[in-house]
């Protein structure tokens, strides 16, 4: 099934069920009012939402209305935690080599994790605001999952069983900022999908679809989300669970999608700049400036958007 959260003036928004083609929606009122409720009581609540989803797709939902992505918050506007990984070795290798650093020997063996702020996640049309246009404003497009409760010490297979939803993410980062500072809040596509909704594209904790990134209306990257992934989501979640349990609603991301073949483009500017350094001795692609627009989408095998698109324009803080 597909779920989204409409803005209703509250912090957690109003849960809606969205049709498979993203054309129609229906409030989940009477079943659950917000997504965290569903995640907290998944086995009881999700079958009721699945029934509503089937009715909506069958054209028989009496109170259906046109789905409006611009009304959406992030599917989970605030989460217990968000842990992002660097699960694509080609991304890490290019960045480290470009700055003359030695690539970690265990890069393909141990997932690298970063705790990110999760208290105020951005919706797909929200405006990301930054204080300094010269801070190296960049993005990282990738996929993430939302978990149910996962026990500490869970195996990768057990961790994979804990995946409840799959998300499309756009992490914001400041490449020139003090590394001691937390990265900015990230954004998510309007719709969260259950793994079964992906069909054959959900393959052992990998999503075998392409992430399409456009910058200011021009093609920037068409990156296969599975081809360069060294660690599936079961392995990533298990790595987090080595030291603590995960509570329902935890988000675990795979980081900026990347593949060895640079011809498909990139999911972040820093990686393109790194390649330019390696090939030409210096970067010539600029980081983002205020007014630049990034659009990220994932078409399914039928060409229809799976998650809906993230489309955001970078702007300055408003005092």
C-alpha atoms as a PDB file:
ATOM      1  CA  UNK A   1       0.000   0.000   0.000  1.00  0.00           C
ATOM      2  CA  UNK A   2       0.930   3.659  -0.290  1.00  0.00           C
ATOM      3  CA  UNK A   3       0.630   6.156   2.556  1.00  0.00           C
ATOM      4  CA  UNK A   4       1.137   9.913   2.878  1.00  0.00           C
ATOM      5  CA  UNK A   5       0.674  12.652   5.452  1.00  0.00           C
ATOM      6  CA  UNK A   6      -1.322  15.788   4.663  1.00  0.00           C
ATOM      7  CA  UNK A   7      -0.501  19.058   6.385  1.00  0.00           C
ATOM      8  CA  UNK A   8      -3.345  20.003   8.741  1.00  0.00           C
ATOM      9  CA  UNK A   9      -1.650  22.589  10.922  1.00  0.00           C
ATOM     10  CA  UNK A  10      -0.327  20.043  13.421  1.00  0.00           C
ATOM     11  CA  UNK A  11       3.218  18.719  13.738  1.00  0.00           C
ATOM     12  CA  UNK A  12       2.325  15.169  12.729  1.00  0.00           C
ATOM     13  CA  UNK A  13      -0.259  15.869  10.040  1.00  0.00           C
ATOM     14  CA  UNK A  14      -3.159  13.696   8.881  1.00  0.00           C
ATOM     15  CA  UNK A  15      -2.636  10.192   7.508  1.00  0.00           C
ATOM     16  CA  UNK A  16      -4.018   9.453   4.039  1.00  0.00           C
ATOM     17  CA  UNK A  17      -4.032   6.329   1.897  1.00  0.00           C
ATOM     18  CA  UNK A  18      -2.943   6.985  -1.699  1.00  0.00           C
ATOM     19  CA  UNK A  19      -3.900   4.997  -4.780  1.00  0.00           C
ATOM     20  CA  UNK A  20      -1.290   2.995  -6.650  1.00  0.00           C
ATOM     21  CA  UNK A  21      -1.182   5.528  -9.525  1.00  0.00           C
ATOM     22  CA  UNK A  22      -0.972   8.482  -7.080  1.00  0.00           C
ATOM     23  CA  UNK A  23      -4.173   9.932  -8.550  1.00  0.00           C
ATOM     24  CA  UNK A  24      -6.567   9.510  -5.609  1.00  0.00           C
ATOM     25  CA  UNK A  25      -6.374   9.602  -1.830  1.00  0.00           C
ATOM     26  CA  UNK A  26      -8.586   8.901   1.164  1.00  0.00           C
ATOM     27  CA  UNK A  27      -8.236   9.985   4.773  1.00  0.00           C
ATOM     28  CA  UNK A  28      -7.521   7.098   7.124  1.00  0.00           C
ATOM     29  CA  UNK A  29      -9.805   8.607   9.779  1.00  0.00           C
ATOM     30  CA  UNK A  30     -11.395   5.872  11.868  1.00  0.00           C
ATOM     31  CA  UNK A  31      -8.352   3.631  11.423  1.00  0.00           C
ATOM     32  CA  UNK A  32      -5.445   5.909  12.347  1.00  0.00           C
ATOM     33  CA  UNK A  33      -4.892   9.650  12.299  1.00  0.00           C
ATOM     34  CA  UNK A  34      -1.103   9.647  11.874  1.00  0.00           C
ATOM     35  CA  UNK A  35       1.544   7.301  10.535  1.00  0.00           C
ATOM     36  CA  UNK A  36       3.337   6.741  13.850  1.00  0.00           C
ATOM     37  CA  UNK A  37       0.161   5.152  15.235  1.00  0.00           C
ATOM     38  CA  UNK A  38       0.251   2.630  12.410  1.00  0.00           C
ATOM     39  CA  UNK A  39       3.909   1.794  13.009  1.00  0.00           C
ATOM     40  CA  UNK A  40       3.339   1.384  16.750  1.00  0.00           C
ATOM     41  CA  UNK A  41       0.557  -1.161  16.185  1.00  0.00           C
ATOM     42  CA  UNK A  42       1.398  -2.482  12.727  1.00  0.00           C
ATOM     43  CA  UNK A  43      -0.084  -5.985  12.914  1.00  0.00           C
ATOM     44  CA  UNK A  44      -3.499  -4.678  13.989  1.00  0.00           C
ATOM     45  CA  UNK A  45      -3.780  -1.442  12.007  1.00  0.00           C
ATOM     46  CA  UNK A  46      -2.064  -2.183   8.679  1.00  0.00           C
ATOM     47  CA  UNK A  47      -4.615  -4.835   7.529  1.00  0.00           C
ATOM     48  CA  UNK A  48      -7.375  -2.240   7.932  1.00  0.00           C
ATOM     49  CA  UNK A  49      -5.418   0.230   5.826  1.00  0.00           C
ATOM     50  CA  UNK A  50      -4.807  -2.472   3.223  1.00  0.00           C
ATOM     51  CA  UNK A  51      -8.568  -2.975   2.936  1.00  0.00           C
ATOM     52  CA  UNK A  52      -9.045   0.752   2.395  1.00  0.00           C
ATOM     53  CA  UNK A  53      -6.198   0.731  -0.147  1.00  0.00           C
ATOM     54  CA  UNK A  54      -7.877  -2.069  -2.127  1.00  0.00           C
ATOM     55  CA  UNK A  55     -11.193  -0.214  -2.064  1.00  0.00           C
ATOM     56  CA  UNK A  56      -9.506   2.991  -3.228  1.00  0.00           C
ATOM     57  CA  UNK A  57      -7.718   1.252  -6.109  1.00  0.00           C
ATOM     58  CA  UNK A  58     -10.963  -0.437  -7.089  1.00  0.00           C
ATOM     59  CA  UNK A  59     -12.650   2.928  -7.470  1.00  0.00           C
ATOM     60  CA  UNK A  60     -15.183   2.190  -4.729  1.00  0.00           C
ATOM     61  CA  UNK A  61     -14.000   4.501  -1.945  1.00  0.00           C
ATOM     62  CA  UNK A  62     -16.929   6.847  -1.323  1.00  0.00           C
ATOM     63  CA  UNK A  63     -14.917   9.767   0.026  1.00  0.00           C
ATOM     64  CA  UNK A  64     -11.870   9.645  -2.266  1.00  0.00           C
ATOM     65  CA  UNK A  65     -10.401  12.906  -3.530  1.00  0.00           C
ATOM     66  CA  UNK A  66      -7.615  13.886  -5.943  1.00  0.00           C
ATOM     67  CA  UNK A  67      -4.177  13.404  -4.376  1.00  0.00           C
ATOM     68  CA  UNK A  68      -2.215  16.665  -4.032  1.00  0.00           C
ATOM     69  CA  UNK A  69       1.498  16.115  -3.315  1.00  0.00           C
ATOM     70  CA  UNK A  70       1.972  19.815  -2.573  1.00  0.00           C
ATOM     71  CA  UNK A  71      -0.185  19.370   0.541  1.00  0.00           C
ATOM     72  CA  UNK A  72       2.100  16.678   1.946  1.00  0.00           C
ATOM     73  CA  UNK A  73       4.497  16.758   4.841  1.00  0.00           C
ATOM     74  CA  UNK A  74       7.174  14.092   4.977  1.00  0.00           C
ATOM     75  CA  UNK A  75       5.340  10.748   5.360  1.00  0.00           C
ATOM     76  CA  UNK A  76       6.750  10.609   8.896  1.00  0.00           C
ATOM     77  CA  UNK A  77       7.219  14.299   9.836  1.00  0.00           C
ATOM     78  CA  UNK A  78       9.264  13.463  12.927  1.00  0.00           C
ATOM     79  CA  UNK A  79      10.864  10.124  13.718  1.00  0.00           C
ATOM     80  CA  UNK A  80      12.418   8.473  16.798  1.00  0.00           C
ATOM     81  CA  UNK A  81      15.697   8.455  14.906  1.00  0.00           C
ATOM     82  CA  UNK A  82      17.186   8.709  11.453  1.00  0.00           C
ATOM     83  CA  UNK A  83      20.434   6.914  10.738  1.00  0.00           C
ATOM     84  CA  UNK A  84      22.009   7.426   7.325  1.00  0.00           C
ATOM     85  CA  UNK A  85      24.655   5.144   5.879  1.00  0.00           C
ATOM     86  CA  UNK A  86      27.358   5.336   3.235  1.00  0.00           C
ATOM     87  CA  UNK A  87      26.318   2.105   1.546  1.00  0.00           C
ATOM     88  CA  UNK A  88      27.638   2.919  -1.945  1.00  0.00           C
ATOM     89  CA  UNK A  89      31.443   2.429  -2.046  1.00  0.00           C
ATOM     90  CA  UNK A  90      31.920   4.256  -5.364  1.00  0.00           C
ATOM     91  CA  UNK A  91      30.532   7.426  -3.751  1.00  0.00           C
ATOM     92  CA  UNK A  92      32.953   7.227  -0.821  1.00  0.00           C
ATOM     93  CA  UNK A  93      35.919   6.228  -2.994  1.00  0.00           C
ATOM     94  CA  UNK A  94      35.520   9.182  -5.356  1.00  0.00           C
ATOM     95  CA  UNK A  95      35.201  11.716  -2.547  1.00  0.00           C
ATOM     96  CA  UNK A  96      38.150  10.358  -0.565  1.00  0.00           C
ATOM     97  CA  UNK A  97      40.442   9.973  -3.580  1.00  0.00           C
ATOM     98  CA  UNK A  98      39.641  13.491  -4.792  1.00  0.00           C
ATOM     99  CA  UNK A  99      40.937  14.974  -1.551  1.00  0.00           C
ATOM    100  CA  UNK A 100      43.996  12.767  -1.533  1.00  0.00           C
ATOM    101  CA  UNK A 101      42.864  10.607   1.378  1.00  0.00           C
ATOM    102  CA  UNK A 102      43.403   6.871   1.702  1.00  0.00           C
ATOM    103  CA  UNK A 103      40.218   4.919   1.080  1.00  0.00           C
ATOM    104  CA  UNK A 104      39.242   2.847   4.155  1.00  0.00           C
ATOM    105  CA  UNK A 105      40.310  -0.756   3.762  1.00  0.00           C
ATOM    106  CA  UNK A 106      37.028  -2.073   5.179  1.00  0.00           C
ATOM    107  CA  UNK A 107      34.805   0.085   2.993  1.00  0.00           C
ATOM    108  CA  UNK A 108      33.132  -2.963   1.411  1.00  0.00           C
ATOM    109  CA  UNK A 109      32.890  -4.847   4.693  1.00  0.00           C
ATOM    110  CA  UNK A 110      31.469  -2.511   7.357  1.00  0.00           C
ATOM    111  CA  UNK A 111      28.641   0.001   6.783  1.00  0.00           C
ATOM    112  CA  UNK A 112      29.463   3.532   7.869  1.00  0.00           C
ATOM    113  CA  UNK A 113      26.639   5.228   9.770  1.00  0.00           C
ATOM    114  CA  UNK A 114      25.733   8.809  10.635  1.00  0.00           C
ATOM    115  CA  UNK A 115      23.037   9.917  13.064  1.00  0.00           C
ATOM    116  CA  UNK A 116      20.955  12.687  11.522  1.00  0.00           C
ATOM    117  CA  UNK A 117      18.399  15.084  12.945  1.00  0.00           C
ATOM    118  CA  UNK A 118      14.909  13.608  12.745  1.00  0.00           C
ATOM    119  CA  UNK A 119      12.732  15.973  14.749  1.00  0.00           C
ATOM    120  CA  UNK A 120      11.577  18.140  11.826  1.00  0.00           C
ATOM    121  CA  UNK A 121      11.817  16.328   8.484  1.00  0.00           C
ATOM    122  CA  UNK A 122      10.914  18.276   5.351  1.00  0.00           C
ATOM    123  CA  UNK A 123       8.034  17.543   3.024  1.00  0.00           C
ATOM    124  CA  UNK A 124       8.484  17.155  -0.737  1.00  0.00           C
ATOM    125  CA  UNK A 125       7.657  20.777  -1.618  1.00  0.00           C
ATOM    126  CA  UNK A 126       9.070  22.473   1.486  1.00  0.00           C
ATOM    127  CA  UNK A 127      11.688  25.188   1.026  1.00  0.00           C
ATOM    128  CA  UNK A 128      15.126  24.259   2.416  1.00  0.00           C
ATOM    129  CA  UNK A 129      16.646  27.424   3.858  1.00  0.00           C
ATOM    130  CA  UNK A 130      20.294  28.138   4.576  1.00  0.00           C
ATOM    131  CA  UNK A 131      22.151  31.003   6.210  1.00  0.00           C
ATOM    132  CA  UNK A 132      25.118  31.104   3.840  1.00  0.00           C
ATOM    133  CA  UNK A 133      25.019  30.671   0.068  1.00  0.00           C
ATOM    134  CA  UNK A 134      28.765  29.954   0.117  1.00  0.00           C
ATOM    135  CA  UNK A 135      28.547  27.038   2.564  1.00  0.00           C
ATOM    136  CA  UNK A 136      28.750  24.430  -0.200  1.00  0.00           C
ATOM    137  CA  UNK A 137      25.035  23.632  -0.355  1.00  0.00           C
ATOM    138  CA  UNK A 138      24.615  20.115  -1.706  1.00  0.00           C
ATOM    139  CA  UNK A 139      22.097  17.274  -1.723  1.00  0.00           C
ATOM    140  CA  UNK A 140      22.243  13.489  -1.586  1.00  0.00           C
ATOM    141  CA  UNK A 141      19.401  11.582  -3.242  1.00  0.00           C
ATOM    142  CA  UNK A 142      18.774   8.037  -2.080  1.00  0.00           C
ATOM    143  CA  UNK A 143      16.416   5.528  -0.538  1.00  0.00           C
ATOM    144  CA  UNK A 144      15.542   4.798   3.067  1.00  0.00           C
ATOM    145  CA  UNK A 145      13.304   2.475   5.046  1.00  0.00           C
ATOM    146  CA  UNK A 146      11.089   2.888   8.087  1.00  0.00           C
ATOM    147  CA  UNK A 147      11.265   0.072  10.622  1.00  0.00           C
ATOM    148  CA  UNK A 148       9.013  -1.459  13.199  1.00  0.00           C
ATOM    149  CA  UNK A 149      10.542  -2.481  16.516  1.00  0.00           C
ATOM    150  CA  UNK A 150      13.873  -4.212  15.910  1.00  0.00           C
ATOM    151  CA  UNK A 151      15.625  -5.934  18.807  1.00  0.00           C
ATOM    152  CA  UNK A 152      19.212  -5.184  19.723  1.00  0.00           C
ATOM    153  CA  UNK A 153      21.515  -7.794  18.198  1.00  0.00           C
ATOM    154  CA  UNK A 154      19.095  -8.624  15.363  1.00  0.00           C
ATOM    155  CA  UNK A 155      20.559 -10.572  12.450  1.00  0.00           C
ATOM    156  CA  UNK A 156      20.319  -9.068   8.948  1.00  0.00           C
ATOM    157  CA  UNK A 157      17.418 -11.447   8.165  1.00  0.00           C
ATOM    158  CA  UNK A 158      15.582 -10.456  11.340  1.00  0.00           C
ATOM    159  CA  UNK A 159      16.295  -6.789  10.652  1.00  0.00           C
ATOM    160  CA  UNK A 160      14.924  -7.077   7.115  1.00  0.00           C
ATOM    161  CA  UNK A 161      11.704  -8.542   8.500  1.00  0.00           C
ATOM    162  CA  UNK A 162      11.387  -5.303  10.481  1.00  0.00           C
ATOM    163  CA  UNK A 163      11.110  -3.104   7.383  1.00  0.00           C
ATOM    164  CA  UNK A 164       7.656  -1.573   7.187  1.00  0.00           C
ATOM    165  CA  UNK A 165       7.953   1.155   4.550  1.00  0.00           C
ATOM    166  CA  UNK A 166      10.314   2.375   1.836  1.00  0.00           C
ATOM    167  CA  UNK A 167      11.007   6.092   1.266  1.00  0.00           C
ATOM    168  CA  UNK A 168      12.711   8.323  -1.286  1.00  0.00           C
ATOM    169  CA  UNK A 169      14.955  10.831   0.472  1.00  0.00           C
ATOM    170  CA  UNK A 170      16.834  14.018  -0.350  1.00  0.00           C
ATOM    171  CA  UNK A 171      19.448  14.756   2.310  1.00  0.00           C
ATOM    172  CA  UNK A 172      20.729  18.316   2.503  1.00  0.00           C
ATOM    173  CA  UNK A 173      24.341  18.952   3.427  1.00  0.00           C
ATOM    174  CA  UNK A 174      26.811  21.836   3.673  1.00  0.00           C
ATOM    175  CA  UNK A 175      30.168  20.764   2.253  1.00  0.00           C
ATOM    176  CA  UNK A 176      32.081  23.789   3.586  1.00  0.00           C
ATOM    177  CA  UNK A 177      30.476  23.891   7.044  1.00  0.00           C
ATOM    178  CA  UNK A 178      32.187  23.106  10.322  1.00  0.00           C
ATOM    179  CA  UNK A 179      32.157  19.280  10.552  1.00  0.00           C
ATOM    180  CA  UNK A 180      31.199  19.580  14.221  1.00  0.00           C
ATOM    181  CA  UNK A 181      27.785  20.936  13.176  1.00  0.00           C
ATOM    182  CA  UNK A 182      24.813  18.690  12.506  1.00  0.00           C
ATOM    183  CA  UNK A 183      23.734  18.485   8.852  1.00  0.00           C
ATOM    184  CA  UNK A 184      20.529  20.303   7.833  1.00  0.00           C
ATOM    185  CA  UNK A 185      17.154  18.563   7.905  1.00  0.00           C
ATOM    186  CA  UNK A 186      16.456  16.198   5.031  1.00  0.00           C
ATOM    187  CA  UNK A 187      13.386  15.870   2.838  1.00  0.00           C
ATOM    188  CA  UNK A 188      11.224  12.962   1.749  1.00  0.00           C
ATOM    189  CA  UNK A 189       8.965  12.215  -1.196  1.00  0.00           C
ATOM    190  CA  UNK A 190       5.237  12.469  -0.448  1.00  0.00           C
ATOM    191  CA  UNK A 191       4.438   8.746  -0.462  1.00  0.00           C
ATOM    192  CA  UNK A 192       5.789   5.885   1.641  1.00  0.00           C
ATOM    193  CA  UNK A 193       5.268   2.402   0.181  1.00  0.00           C
ATOM    194  CA  UNK A 194       5.229  -1.053   1.699  1.00  0.00           C
ATOM    195  CA  UNK A 195       7.930  -3.362   0.260  1.00  0.00           C
ATOM    196  CA  UNK A 196       5.340  -5.658  -1.343  1.00  0.00           C
ATOM    197  CA  UNK A 197       4.037  -2.695  -3.331  1.00  0.00           C
ATOM    198  CA  UNK A 198       7.378  -2.633  -5.164  1.00  0.00           C
ATOM    199  CA  UNK A 199       6.854  -6.160  -6.494  1.00  0.00           C
ATOM    200  CA  UNK A 200       9.938  -7.665  -8.094  1.00  0.00           C
ATOM    201  CA  UNK A 201      11.792  -4.366  -7.622  1.00  0.00           C
ATOM    202  CA  UNK A 202      12.075  -5.189  -3.895  1.00  0.00           C
ATOM    203  CA  UNK A 203      14.806  -7.818  -4.025  1.00  0.00           C
ATOM    204  CA  UNK A 204      16.406  -8.982  -0.789  1.00  0.00           C
ATOM    205  CA  UNK A 205      16.477  -5.560   0.800  1.00  0.00           C
ATOM    206  CA  UNK A 206      17.458  -3.761  -2.391  1.00  0.00           C
ATOM    207  CA  UNK A 207      15.269  -1.605  -4.641  1.00  0.00           C
ATOM    208  CA  UNK A 208      15.961  -2.358  -8.294  1.00  0.00           C
ATOM    209  CA  UNK A 209      14.803   0.938  -9.736  1.00  0.00           C
ATOM    210  CA  UNK A 210      16.496   4.093 -10.972  1.00  0.00           C
ATOM    211  CA  UNK A 211      16.687   7.374  -9.075  1.00  0.00           C
ATOM    212  CA  UNK A 212      16.193  10.332 -11.417  1.00  0.00           C
ATOM    213  CA  UNK A 213      17.793  13.620 -10.379  1.00  0.00           C
ATOM    214  CA  UNK A 214      17.250  16.901 -12.244  1.00  0.00           C
ATOM    215  CA  UNK A 215      18.897  20.232 -11.416  1.00  0.00           C
ATOM    216  CA  UNK A 216      17.194  23.402 -12.641  1.00  0.00           C
ATOM    217  CA  UNK A 217      15.172  21.393 -15.128  1.00  0.00           C
ATOM    218  CA  UNK A 218      18.173  19.596 -16.626  1.00  0.00           C
ATOM    219  CA  UNK A 219      19.174  15.977 -16.239  1.00  0.00           C
ATOM    220  CA  UNK A 220      21.799  15.498 -13.531  1.00  0.00           C
ATOM    221  CA  UNK A 221      21.695  11.772 -12.741  1.00  0.00           C
ATOM    222  CA  UNK A 222      19.912   8.530 -13.570  1.00  0.00           C
ATOM    223  CA  UNK A 223      21.344   6.255 -10.913  1.00  0.00           C
ATOM    224  CA  UNK A 224      20.460   2.582 -10.417  1.00  0.00           C
ATOM    225  CA  UNK A 225      19.598   2.275  -6.729  1.00  0.00           C
ATOM    226  CA  UNK A 226      20.696  -1.375  -6.504  1.00  0.00           C
ATOM    227  CA  UNK A 227      23.697  -1.738  -8.806  1.00  0.00           C
ATOM    228  CA  UNK A 228      26.287  -0.051  -6.578  1.00  0.00           C
ATOM    229  CA  UNK A 229      24.772  -0.909  -3.190  1.00  0.00           C
ATOM    230  CA  UNK A 230      27.245  -2.853  -1.037  1.00  0.00           C
ATOM    231  CA  UNK A 231      24.905  -3.431   1.922  1.00  0.00           C
ATOM    232  CA  UNK A 232      21.199  -4.229   1.682  1.00  0.00           C
ATOM    233  CA  UNK A 233      18.777  -2.705   4.170  1.00  0.00           C
ATOM    234  CA  UNK A 234      18.786  -5.804   6.348  1.00  0.00           C
ATOM    235  CA  UNK A 235      22.531  -5.422   6.817  1.00  0.00           C
ATOM    236  CA  UNK A 236      22.254  -1.687   7.462  1.00  0.00           C
ATOM    237  CA  UNK A 237      19.546  -2.073  10.096  1.00  0.00           C
ATOM    238  CA  UNK A 238      21.470  -4.915  11.741  1.00  0.00           C
ATOM    239  CA  UNK A 239      24.526  -2.673  11.957  1.00  0.00           C
ATOM    240  CA  UNK A 240      22.485  -0.057  13.837  1.00  0.00           C
ATOM    241  CA  UNK A 241      21.049  -2.807  16.075  1.00  0.00           C
ATOM    242  CA  UNK A 242      24.508  -4.012  17.116  1.00  0.00           C
ATOM    243  CA  UNK A 243      24.495  -1.465  19.939  1.00  0.00           C
ATOM    244  CA  UNK A 244      20.810  -0.714  20.571  1.00  0.00           C
ATOM    245  CA  UNK A 245      17.250  -1.591  19.736  1.00  0.00           C
ATOM    246  CA  UNK A 246      15.340   0.368  17.104  1.00  0.00           C
ATOM    247  CA  UNK A 247      11.878   1.627  17.948  1.00  0.00           C
ATOM    248  CA  UNK A 248       9.007   1.636  15.497  1.00  0.00           C
ATOM    249  CA  UNK A 249       9.320   4.654  13.209  1.00  0.00           C
ATOM    250  CA  UNK A 250      13.115   4.606  12.984  1.00  0.00           C
ATOM    251  CA  UNK A 251      14.437   5.639   9.568  1.00  0.00           C
ATOM    252  CA  UNK A 252      17.545   4.004   8.109  1.00  0.00           C
ATOM    253  CA  UNK A 253      18.952   5.387   4.848  1.00  0.00           C
ATOM    254  CA  UNK A 254      21.484   4.004   2.390  1.00  0.00           C
ATOM    255  CA  UNK A 255      23.076   7.372   1.591  1.00  0.00           C
ATOM    256  CA  UNK A 256      23.714   8.967  -1.789  1.00  0.00           C
ATOM    257  CA  UNK A 257      23.068   6.439  -4.548  1.00  0.00           C
ATOM    258  CA  UNK A 258      26.117   5.802  -6.717  1.00  0.00           C
ATOM    259  CA  UNK A 259      27.463   3.424  -9.360  1.00  0.00           C
ATOM    260  CA  UNK A 260      30.912   2.841 -10.817  1.00  0.00           C
ATOM    261  CA  UNK A 261      29.837   4.066 -14.277  1.00  0.00           C
ATOM    262  CA  UNK A 262      29.982   7.863 -14.156  1.00  0.00           C
ATOM    263  CA  UNK A 263      28.094   8.022 -17.440  1.00  0.00           C
ATOM    264  CA  UNK A 264      24.782   7.691 -15.625  1.00  0.00           C
ATOM    265  CA  UNK A 265      25.399  10.874 -13.669  1.00  0.00           C
ATOM    266  CA  UNK A 266      25.260  11.363  -9.928  1.00  0.00           C
ATOM    267  CA  UNK A 267      22.938  11.732  -6.961  1.00  0.00           C
ATOM    268  CA  UNK A 268      24.953  14.568  -5.401  1.00  0.00           C
ATOM    269  CA  UNK A 269      27.119  17.437  -6.615  1.00  0.00           C
ATOM    270  CA  UNK A 270      30.134  16.532  -4.479  1.00  0.00           C
ATOM    271  CA  UNK A 271      30.626  13.269  -6.333  1.00  0.00           C
ATOM    272  CA  UNK A 272      30.576  14.985  -9.727  1.00  0.00           C
ATOM    273  CA  UNK A 273      33.077  17.547  -8.440  1.00  0.00           C
ATOM    274  CA  UNK A 274      35.274  14.722  -7.130  1.00  0.00           C
ATOM    275  CA  UNK A 275      35.329  13.091 -10.550  1.00  0.00           C
ATOM    276  CA  UNK A 276      36.263  16.416 -12.133  1.00  0.00           C
ATOM    277  CA  UNK A 277      39.183  16.722  -9.709  1.00  0.00           C
ATOM    278  CA  UNK A 278      40.348  13.185 -10.479  1.00  0.00           C
ATOM    279  CA  UNK A 279      40.089  13.654 -14.254  1.00  0.00           C
ATOM    280  CA  UNK A 280      40.988  17.328 -14.720  1.00  0.00           C
ATOM    281  CA  UNK A 281      42.727  18.425 -11.529  1.00  0.00           C
ATOM    282  CA  UNK A 282      40.003  20.837 -10.385  1.00  0.00           C
ATOM    283  CA  UNK A 283      36.187  20.958 -10.062  1.00  0.00           C
ATOM    284  CA  UNK A 284      34.142  23.103 -12.428  1.00  0.00           C
ATOM    285  CA  UNK A 285      30.596  22.284 -11.237  1.00  0.00           C
ATOM    286  CA  UNK A 286      29.325  24.748  -8.630  1.00  0.00           C
ATOM    287  CA  UNK A 287      27.475  23.850  -5.487  1.00  0.00           C
ATOM    288  CA  UNK A 288      23.919  25.127  -5.214  1.00  0.00           C
ATOM    289  CA  UNK A 289      23.001  28.787  -4.988  1.00  0.00           C
ATOM    290  CA  UNK A 290      19.796  30.354  -3.706  1.00  0.00           C
ATOM    291  CA  UNK A 291      17.108  29.871  -6.336  1.00  0.00           C
ATOM    292  CA  UNK A 292      18.397  26.541  -7.642  1.00  0.00           C
ATOM    293  CA  UNK A 293      15.803  23.761  -7.874  1.00  0.00           C
ATOM    294  CA  UNK A 294      16.385  20.040  -7.347  1.00  0.00           C
ATOM    295  CA  UNK A 295      13.880  17.411  -8.438  1.00  0.00           C
ATOM    296  CA  UNK A 296      14.143  13.724  -7.527  1.00  0.00           C
ATOM    297  CA  UNK A 297      11.838  10.921  -8.637  1.00  0.00           C
ATOM    298  CA  UNK A 298      11.747   7.135  -9.039  1.00  0.00           C
ATOM    299  CA  UNK A 299       9.676   5.821 -11.946  1.00  0.00           C
ATOM    300  CA  UNK A 300       8.415   2.265 -11.677  1.00  0.00           C
ATOM    301  CA  UNK A 301       8.684  -0.346 -14.419  1.00  0.00           C
ATOM    302  CA  UNK A 302       5.474   1.097 -15.884  1.00  0.00           C
ATOM    303  CA  UNK A 303       6.925   4.611 -15.939  1.00  0.00           C
ATOM    304  CA  UNK A 304       4.600   5.865 -13.177  1.00  0.00           C
ATOM    305  CA  UNK A 305       6.223   7.567 -10.195  1.00  0.00           C
ATOM    306  CA  UNK A 306       6.484   5.190  -7.246  1.00  0.00           C
ATOM    307  CA  UNK A 307       6.866   7.689  -4.384  1.00  0.00           C
ATOM    308  CA  UNK A 308       5.899  10.952  -6.033  1.00  0.00           C
ATOM    309  CA  UNK A 309       8.598  13.519  -6.670  1.00  0.00           C
ATOM    310  CA  UNK A 310      10.613  15.717  -4.335  1.00  0.00           C
ATOM    311  CA  UNK A 311      10.959  19.191  -5.831  1.00  0.00           C
ATOM    312  CA  UNK A 312      12.617  21.884  -3.738  1.00  0.00           C
ATOM    313  CA  UNK A 313      14.135  25.310  -4.355  1.00  0.00           C
ATOM    314  CA  UNK A 314      17.035  26.445  -2.181  1.00  0.00           C
ATOM    315  CA  UNK A 315      16.487  29.747  -0.383  1.00  0.00           C
ATOM    316  CA  UNK A 316      17.972  31.992   2.285  1.00  0.00           C
ATOM    317  CA  UNK A 317      16.806  32.104   5.865  1.00  0.00           C
ATOM    318  CA  UNK A 318      14.047  34.610   6.451  1.00  0.00           C
ATOM    319  CA  UNK A 319      14.632  36.665   9.619  1.00  0.00           C
END
